[in-house]
Amino acid sequence: MPGVRRFFRETAYAVLATTAVAALLVVGFGLSGIWATVVSVTAGMVLGRVLEGCVGLVRAYRAGAARSAGDPGAAQDPPGA
């Protein structure tokens, strides 16, 4: 099941980024046609991967901070230091 979950997570980030890039190209720059589609899908896939990586880093950082905050001995100096 983790493979299916990962597929849907990657797809969600790619769709979100592709929609954002397409909106920027069409509304912001007034582009249309096949090149706007190709560029938005390609850039959206890349930005989706970047966004997924950033979210993973934030989650790992929060998990590490919560883990070290829960250990009262982690902030103290080791004996003999």
N, C-alpha and C. Protein backbone atom coordinates (compact mmCIF):
# COMPACT_ATOMS: atom_id res chain seq x y z
N MET A 1 0.79 -1.20 0.00
CA MET A 1 0.00 0.00 0.00
C MET A 1 0.83 1.27 0.00
N PRO A 2 2.05 1.29 0.54
CA PRO A 2 2.83 2.53 0.52
C PRO A 2 3.11 3.02 -0.91
N GLY A 3 3.22 2.10 -1.86
CA GLY A 3 3.46 2.50 -3.24
C GLY A 3 2.28 3.25 -3.83
N VAL A 4 1.07 2.83 -3.51
CA VAL A 4 -0.13 3.51 -4.00
C VAL A 4 -0.24 4.89 -3.36
N ARG A 5 0.04 4.95 -2.06
CA ARG A 5 -0.01 6.23 -1.35
C ARG A 5 1.00 7.22 -1.94
N ARG A 6 2.21 6.73 -2.23
CA ARG A 6 3.25 7.59 -2.80
C ARG A 6 2.84 8.06 -4.19
N PHE A 7 2.24 7.19 -4.99
CA PHE A 7 1.78 7.58 -6.32
C PHE A 7 0.78 8.73 -6.24
N PHE A 8 -0.20 8.60 -5.35
CA PHE A 8 -1.20 9.65 -5.23
C PHE A 8 -0.62 10.94 -4.69
N ARG A 9 0.35 10.84 -3.78
CA ARG A 9 1.00 12.04 -3.25
C ARG A 9 1.79 12.75 -4.34
N GLU A 10 2.57 12.00 -5.11
CA GLU A 10 3.33 12.61 -6.21
C GLU A 10 2.40 13.22 -7.26
N THR A 11 1.32 12.52 -7.57
CA THR A 11 0.35 13.03 -8.54
C THR A 11 -0.30 14.31 -8.05
N ALA A 12 -0.63 14.37 -6.78
CA ALA A 12 -1.26 15.57 -6.23
C ALA A 12 -0.33 16.78 -6.31
N TYR A 13 0.94 16.60 -5.97
CA TYR A 13 1.88 17.72 -6.07
C TYR A 13 2.09 18.14 -7.52
N ALA A 14 2.18 17.18 -8.43
CA ALA A 14 2.37 17.51 -9.85
C ALA A 14 1.16 18.25 -10.41
N VAL A 15 -0.04 17.81 -10.07
CA VAL A 15 -1.25 18.47 -10.57
C VAL A 15 -1.34 19.88 -10.00
N LEU A 16 -1.04 20.05 -8.74
CA LEU A 16 -1.06 21.38 -8.12
C LEU A 16 -0.07 22.33 -8.80
N ALA A 17 1.15 21.88 -9.01
CA ALA A 17 2.16 22.73 -9.63
C ALA A 17 1.84 22.99 -11.10
N THR A 18 1.33 21.99 -11.81
CA THR A 18 0.98 22.17 -13.22
C THR A 18 -0.15 23.18 -13.37
N THR A 19 -1.12 23.12 -12.50
CA THR A 19 -2.22 24.07 -12.55
C THR A 19 -1.73 25.49 -12.27
N ALA A 20 -0.83 25.63 -11.32
CA ALA A 20 -0.29 26.96 -11.01
C ALA A 20 0.51 27.52 -12.18
N VAL A 21 1.34 26.70 -12.80
CA VAL A 21 2.14 27.16 -13.94
C VAL A 21 1.24 27.49 -15.13
N ALA A 22 0.25 26.65 -15.39
CA ALA A 22 -0.67 26.90 -16.50
C ALA A 22 -1.44 28.20 -16.28
N ALA A 23 -1.89 28.45 -15.07
CA ALA A 23 -2.60 29.70 -14.78
C ALA A 23 -1.70 30.90 -14.98
N LEU A 24 -0.46 30.79 -14.57
CA LEU A 24 0.49 31.88 -14.76
C LEU A 24 0.74 32.14 -16.24
N LEU A 25 0.91 31.08 -17.03
CA LEU A 25 1.18 31.26 -18.46
C LEU A 25 -0.03 31.82 -19.21
N VAL A 26 -1.20 31.31 -18.90
CA VAL A 26 -2.39 31.71 -19.64
C VAL A 26 -2.89 33.08 -19.18
N VAL A 27 -3.05 33.26 -17.88
CA VAL A 27 -3.61 34.52 -17.38
C VAL A 27 -2.53 35.59 -17.29
N GLY A 28 -1.38 35.23 -16.77
CA GLY A 28 -0.32 36.23 -16.56
C GLY A 28 0.36 36.69 -17.84
N PHE A 29 0.70 35.75 -18.70
CA PHE A 29 1.45 36.09 -19.91
C PHE A 29 0.60 36.05 -21.18
N GLY A 30 -0.60 35.59 -21.09
CA GLY A 30 -1.49 35.55 -22.25
C GLY A 30 -1.12 34.51 -23.29
N LEU A 31 -0.40 33.49 -22.91
CA LEU A 31 -0.02 32.43 -23.85
C LEU A 31 -1.16 31.41 -23.96
N SER A 32 -1.21 30.75 -25.09
CA SER A 32 -2.18 29.68 -25.26
C SER A 32 -1.64 28.71 -26.29
N GLY A 33 -2.30 27.59 -26.42
CA GLY A 33 -1.90 26.61 -27.43
C GLY A 33 -1.08 25.49 -26.84
N ILE A 34 -0.48 24.73 -27.75
CA ILE A 34 0.23 23.52 -27.35
C ILE A 34 1.49 23.83 -26.56
N TRP A 35 2.17 24.94 -26.87
CA TRP A 35 3.41 25.24 -26.14
C TRP A 35 3.13 25.61 -24.69
N ALA A 36 2.04 26.29 -24.44
CA ALA A 36 1.67 26.59 -23.06
C ALA A 36 1.37 25.29 -22.30
N THR A 37 0.76 24.35 -22.98
CA THR A 37 0.46 23.06 -22.35
C THR A 37 1.73 22.28 -22.07
N VAL A 38 2.61 22.22 -23.05
CA VAL A 38 3.86 21.46 -22.89
C VAL A 38 4.72 22.07 -21.78
N VAL A 39 4.85 23.38 -21.81
CA VAL A 39 5.68 24.04 -20.80
C VAL A 39 5.06 23.90 -19.41
N SER A 40 3.75 24.05 -19.32
CA SER A 40 3.13 23.97 -18.00
C SER A 40 3.21 22.56 -17.42
N VAL A 41 3.05 21.55 -18.25
CA VAL A 41 3.14 20.16 -17.75
C VAL A 41 4.57 19.83 -17.35
N THR A 42 5.53 20.20 -18.18
CA THR A 42 6.93 19.91 -17.86
C THR A 42 7.37 20.65 -16.60
N ALA A 43 7.11 21.94 -16.56
CA ALA A 43 7.50 22.72 -15.37
C ALA A 43 6.71 22.27 -14.15
N GLY A 44 5.46 21.92 -14.32
CA GLY A 44 4.65 21.45 -13.20
C GLY A 44 5.16 20.15 -12.61
N MET A 45 5.63 19.25 -13.46
CA MET A 45 6.18 18.00 -12.95
C MET A 45 7.46 18.24 -12.16
N VAL A 46 8.31 19.11 -12.66
CA VAL A 46 9.56 19.42 -11.96
C VAL A 46 9.26 20.15 -10.64
N LEU A 47 8.39 21.15 -10.71
CA LEU A 47 8.05 21.88 -9.49
C LEU A 47 7.31 21.01 -8.49
N GLY A 48 6.55 20.05 -8.98
CA GLY A 48 5.88 19.10 -8.08
C GLY A 48 6.88 18.28 -7.29
N ARG A 49 7.94 17.85 -7.95
CA ARG A 49 9.00 17.10 -7.25
C ARG A 49 9.70 17.98 -6.22
N VAL A 50 9.98 19.22 -6.61
CA VAL A 50 10.64 20.16 -5.69
C VAL A 50 9.74 20.42 -4.48
N LEU A 51 8.47 20.65 -4.72
CA LEU A 51 7.52 20.90 -3.64
C LEU A 51 7.41 19.69 -2.72
N GLU A 52 7.38 18.51 -3.29
CA GLU A 52 7.31 17.30 -2.47
C GLU A 52 8.56 17.15 -1.61
N GLY A 53 9.72 17.48 -2.17
CA GLY A 53 10.97 17.43 -1.39
C GLY A 53 10.99 18.44 -0.26
N CYS A 54 10.50 19.63 -0.53
CA CYS A 54 10.45 20.67 0.51
C CYS A 54 9.52 20.26 1.65
N VAL A 55 8.38 19.70 1.31
CA VAL A 55 7.45 19.25 2.34
C VAL A 55 8.08 18.12 3.16
N GLY A 56 8.79 17.23 2.50
CA GLY A 56 9.49 16.16 3.21
C GLY A 56 10.55 16.67 4.16
N LEU A 57 11.29 17.70 3.74
CA LEU A 57 12.30 18.30 4.61
C LEU A 57 11.67 18.96 5.83
N VAL A 58 10.57 19.67 5.62
CA VAL A 58 9.90 20.32 6.74
C VAL A 58 9.36 19.28 7.72
N ARG A 59 8.79 18.21 7.19
CA ARG A 59 8.27 17.16 8.08
C ARG A 59 9.40 16.51 8.87
N ALA A 60 10.53 16.25 8.22
CA ALA A 60 11.67 15.64 8.91
C ALA A 60 12.22 16.58 9.97
N TYR A 61 12.28 17.87 9.66
CA TYR A 61 12.76 18.85 10.63
C TYR A 61 11.85 18.90 11.85
N ARG A 62 10.54 18.93 11.61
CA ARG A 62 9.59 18.98 12.72
C ARG A 62 9.64 17.71 13.56
N ALA A 63 9.80 16.58 12.91
CA ALA A 63 9.88 15.31 13.65
C ALA A 63 11.14 15.27 14.49
N GLY A 64 12.25 15.76 13.94
CA GLY A 64 13.50 15.79 14.70
C GLY A 64 13.43 16.76 15.86
N ALA A 65 12.80 17.92 15.66
CA ALA A 65 12.67 18.90 16.73
C ALA A 65 11.77 18.37 17.84
N ALA A 66 10.69 17.69 17.47
CA ALA A 66 9.79 17.15 18.47
C ALA A 66 10.46 16.02 19.25
N ARG A 67 11.28 15.23 18.55
CA ARG A 67 11.96 14.12 19.21
C ARG A 67 12.99 14.65 20.21
N SER A 68 13.78 15.68 19.84
CA SER A 68 14.79 16.18 20.75
C SER A 68 14.17 16.98 21.88
N ALA A 69 13.01 17.61 21.66
CA ALA A 69 12.34 18.34 22.72
C ALA A 69 11.76 17.40 23.77
N GLY A 70 11.45 16.20 23.36
CA GLY A 70 10.88 15.23 24.29
C GLY A 70 11.92 14.54 25.15
N ASP A 71 13.20 14.67 24.82
CA ASP A 71 14.28 14.04 25.57
C ASP A 71 14.98 15.09 26.43
N PRO A 72 14.69 15.15 27.74
CA PRO A 72 15.28 16.21 28.57
C PRO A 72 16.79 16.09 28.71
N GLY A 73 17.35 14.92 28.54
CA GLY A 73 18.79 14.77 28.68
C GLY A 73 19.57 15.14 27.45
N ALA A 74 18.88 15.37 26.34
CA ALA A 74 19.59 15.65 25.10
C ALA A 74 20.24 17.03 25.09
N ALA A 75 19.70 17.97 25.83
CA ALA A 75 20.23 19.34 25.83
C ALA A 75 21.35 19.52 26.82
N GLN A 76 21.62 18.56 27.69
CA GLN A 76 22.64 18.70 28.70
C GLN A 76 24.01 18.27 28.16
N ASP A 77 25.04 18.80 28.77
CA ASP A 77 26.40 18.41 28.40
C ASP A 77 26.65 16.98 28.88
N PRO A 78 27.40 16.20 28.10
CA PRO A 78 27.72 14.83 28.54
C PRO A 78 28.66 14.88 29.74
N PRO A 79 28.66 13.84 30.57
CA PRO A 79 29.56 13.82 31.74
C PRO A 79 31.02 13.89 31.31
N GLY A 80 31.78 14.67 32.04
CA GLY A 80 33.22 14.79 31.76
C GLY A 80 33.55 15.84 30.73
N ALA A 81 32.57 16.58 30.26
CA ALA A 81 32.86 17.59 29.23
C ALA A 81 33.19 18.91 29.86
